[in-house]
C-alpha atoms as a PDB file:
ATOM      1  CA  UNK A   1      39.373 284.303 196.947  1.00  0.00           C
ATOM      2  CA  UNK A   2      35.690 284.974 196.539  1.00  0.00           C
ATOM      3  CA  UNK A   3      35.583 284.646 200.315  1.00  0.00           C
ATOM      4  CA  UNK A   4      38.763 286.699 201.618  1.00  0.00           C
ATOM      5  CA  UNK A   5      37.427 288.986 199.475  1.00  0.00           C
ATOM      6  CA  UNK A   6      33.645 289.534 200.747  1.00  0.00           C
ATOM      7  CA  UNK A   7      34.868 290.624 204.297  1.00  0.00           C
ATOM      8  CA  UNK A   8      37.445 293.027 203.705  1.00  0.00           C
ATOM      9  CA  UNK A   9      34.773 294.654 201.169  1.00  0.00           C
ATOM     10  CA  UNK A  10      32.313 294.570 203.483  1.00  0.00           C
ATOM     11  CA  UNK A  11      33.656 296.386 206.493  1.00  0.00           C
ATOM     12  CA  UNK A  12      35.354 298.503 204.213  1.00  0.00           C
ATOM     13  CA  UNK A  13      31.770 299.993 203.118  1.00  0.00           C
ATOM     14  CA  UNK A  14      30.723 299.984 206.930  1.00  0.00           C
ATOM     15  CA  UNK A  15      33.664 302.141 207.736  1.00  0.00           C
ATOM     16  CA  UNK A  16      33.920 303.884 205.358  1.00  0.00           C
ATOM     17  CA  UNK A  17      29.857 305.512 205.667  1.00  0.00           C
ATOM     18  CA  UNK A  18      30.131 305.449 208.999  1.00  0.00           C
ATOM     19  CA  UNK A  19      33.447 307.959 208.723  1.00  0.00           C
ATOM     20  CA  UNK A  20      31.059 310.158 206.677  1.00  0.00           C
ATOM     21  CA  UNK A  21      28.506 310.239 209.033  1.00  0.00           C
ATOM     22  CA  UNK A  22      30.967 311.458 211.636  1.00  0.00           C
ATOM     23  CA  UNK A  23      32.688 314.016 209.191  1.00  0.00           C
ATOM     24  CA  UNK A  24      28.971 315.840 208.414  1.00  0.00           C
ATOM     25  CA  UNK A  25      29.286 319.364 208.710  1.00  0.00           C
ATOM     26  CA  UNK A  26      25.892 320.999 209.299  1.00  0.00           C
ATOM     27  CA  UNK A  27      26.898 324.289 207.776  1.00  0.00           C
ATOM     28  CA  UNK A  28      24.241 325.997 210.108  1.00  0.00           C
ATOM     29  CA  UNK A  29      21.414 323.697 209.809  1.00  0.00           C
ATOM     30  CA  UNK A  30      19.816 322.965 213.481  1.00  0.00           C
ATOM     31  CA  UNK A  31      20.330 320.133 215.836  1.00  0.00           C
ATOM     32  CA  UNK A  32      17.413 317.634 215.657  1.00  0.00           C
ATOM     33  CA  UNK A  33      17.951 315.458 219.241  1.00  0.00           C
ATOM     34  CA  UNK A  34      16.307 312.019 217.836  1.00  0.00           C
ATOM     35  CA  UNK A  35      18.303 312.093 214.648  1.00  0.00           C
ATOM     36  CA  UNK A  36      21.394 313.250 215.865  1.00  0.00           C
ATOM     37  CA  UNK A  37      21.085 309.835 218.762  1.00  0.00           C
ATOM     38  CA  UNK A  38      20.021 308.263 216.033  1.00  0.00           C
ATOM     39  CA  UNK A  39      23.435 309.402 214.066  1.00  0.00           C
ATOM     40  CA  UNK A  40      25.343 308.340 217.283  1.00  0.00           C
ATOM     41  CA  UNK A  41      23.642 304.815 217.821  1.00  0.00           C
ATOM     42  CA  UNK A  42      23.624 303.664 213.779  1.00  0.00           C
ATOM     43  CA  UNK A  43      27.665 305.232 213.785  1.00  0.00           C
ATOM     44  CA  UNK A  44      28.663 303.122 216.784  1.00  0.00           C
ATOM     45  CA  UNK A  45      26.824 300.160 214.713  1.00  0.00           C
ATOM     46  CA  UNK A  46      28.600 300.599 211.366  1.00  0.00           C
ATOM     47  CA  UNK A  47      32.190 300.422 213.782  1.00  0.00           C
ATOM     48  CA  UNK A  48      31.499 297.851 215.344  1.00  0.00           C
ATOM     49  CA  UNK A  49      29.977 295.692 212.271  1.00  0.00           C
ATOM     50  CA  UNK A  50      33.358 296.590 210.442  1.00  0.00           C
ATOM     51  CA  UNK A  51      35.766 295.849 213.118  1.00  0.00           C
ATOM     52  CA  UNK A  52      33.231 292.463 214.373  1.00  0.00           C
ATOM     53  CA  UNK A  53      33.993 291.245 210.868  1.00  0.00           C
ATOM     54  CA  UNK A  54      37.988 291.874 210.250  1.00  0.00           C
ATOM     55  CA  UNK A  55      39.294 290.396 213.632  1.00  0.00           C
ATOM     56  CA  UNK A  56      36.889 288.222 214.301  1.00  0.00           C
ATOM     57  CA  UNK A  57      37.158 287.207 210.718  1.00  0.00           C
ATOM     58  CA  UNK A  58      33.309 286.728 210.459  1.00  0.00           C
ATOM     59  CA  UNK A  59      32.244 284.899 207.685  1.00  0.00           C
ATOM     60  CA  UNK A  60      30.174 287.757 205.241  1.00  0.00           C
ATOM     61  CA  UNK A  61      27.671 286.617 202.294  1.00  0.00           C
ATOM     62  CA  UNK A  62      27.231 287.845 199.392  1.00  0.00           C
ATOM     63  CA  UNK A  63      23.723 289.976 200.142  1.00  0.00           C
ATOM     64  CA  UNK A  64      25.591 291.432 203.245  1.00  0.00           C
ATOM     65  CA  UNK A  65      28.432 292.589 201.251  1.00  0.00           C
ATOM     66  CA  UNK A  66      25.418 293.655 198.779  1.00  0.00           C
ATOM     67  CA  UNK A  67      23.613 295.690 201.171  1.00  0.00           C
ATOM     68  CA  UNK A  68      27.256 297.845 203.389  1.00  0.00           C
ATOM     69  CA  UNK A  69      27.839 298.952 199.507  1.00  0.00           C
ATOM     70  CA  UNK A  70      24.577 300.009 199.210  1.00  0.00           C
ATOM     71  CA  UNK A  71      24.609 301.743 202.385  1.00  0.00           C
ATOM     72  CA  UNK A  72      27.840 303.202 201.481  1.00  0.00           C
ATOM     73  CA  UNK A  73      26.034 305.043 198.716  1.00  0.00           C
ATOM     74  CA  UNK A  74      23.233 306.206 199.861  1.00  0.00           C
ATOM     75  CA  UNK A  75      25.124 307.414 202.879  1.00  0.00           C
ATOM     76  CA  UNK A  76      27.744 309.345 200.472  1.00  0.00           C
ATOM     77  CA  UNK A  77      24.778 310.456 198.589  1.00  0.00           C
ATOM     78  CA  UNK A  78      23.114 312.183 201.423  1.00  0.00           C
ATOM     79  CA  UNK A  79      26.029 314.066 202.020  1.00  0.00           C
ATOM     80  CA  UNK A  80      26.269 311.978 205.639  1.00  0.00           C
ATOM     81  CA  UNK A  81      23.280 313.967 206.525  1.00  0.00           C
ATOM     82  CA  UNK A  82      21.398 312.174 207.778  1.00  0.00           C
ATOM     83  CA  UNK A  83      17.835 313.037 208.354  1.00  0.00           C
ATOM     84  CA  UNK A  84      18.610 313.419 204.437  1.00  0.00           C
ATOM     85  CA  UNK A  85      18.732 310.199 204.203  1.00  0.00           C
ATOM     86  CA  UNK A  86      15.745 309.956 206.308  1.00  0.00           C
ATOM     87  CA  UNK A  87      13.405 311.835 204.519  1.00  0.00           C
ATOM     88  CA  UNK A  88      10.790 310.991 201.872  1.00  0.00           C
ATOM     89  CA  UNK A  89      10.424 313.550 199.705  1.00  0.00           C
ATOM     90  CA  UNK A  90      13.852 313.137 199.015  1.00  0.00           C
END
């Protein structure tokens, strides 16, 4: 049961984090090209990780699922703002 549930949880967490980054609205904040490029790369990596787990039935450990969930929580807490996520003072 756990071997079938962990990949689904990890894939959903990866895809949800990527979708939250895609749906970020900057609301007047300035565009930083480096952060925007990093966000694009992160979105692509997260989508690919989620789809790879779903399509190719990649094995997922408990720790990989935990990291996926924590990353998803962090992205949602920053409201999809990667610059706020990378800021050291918050």
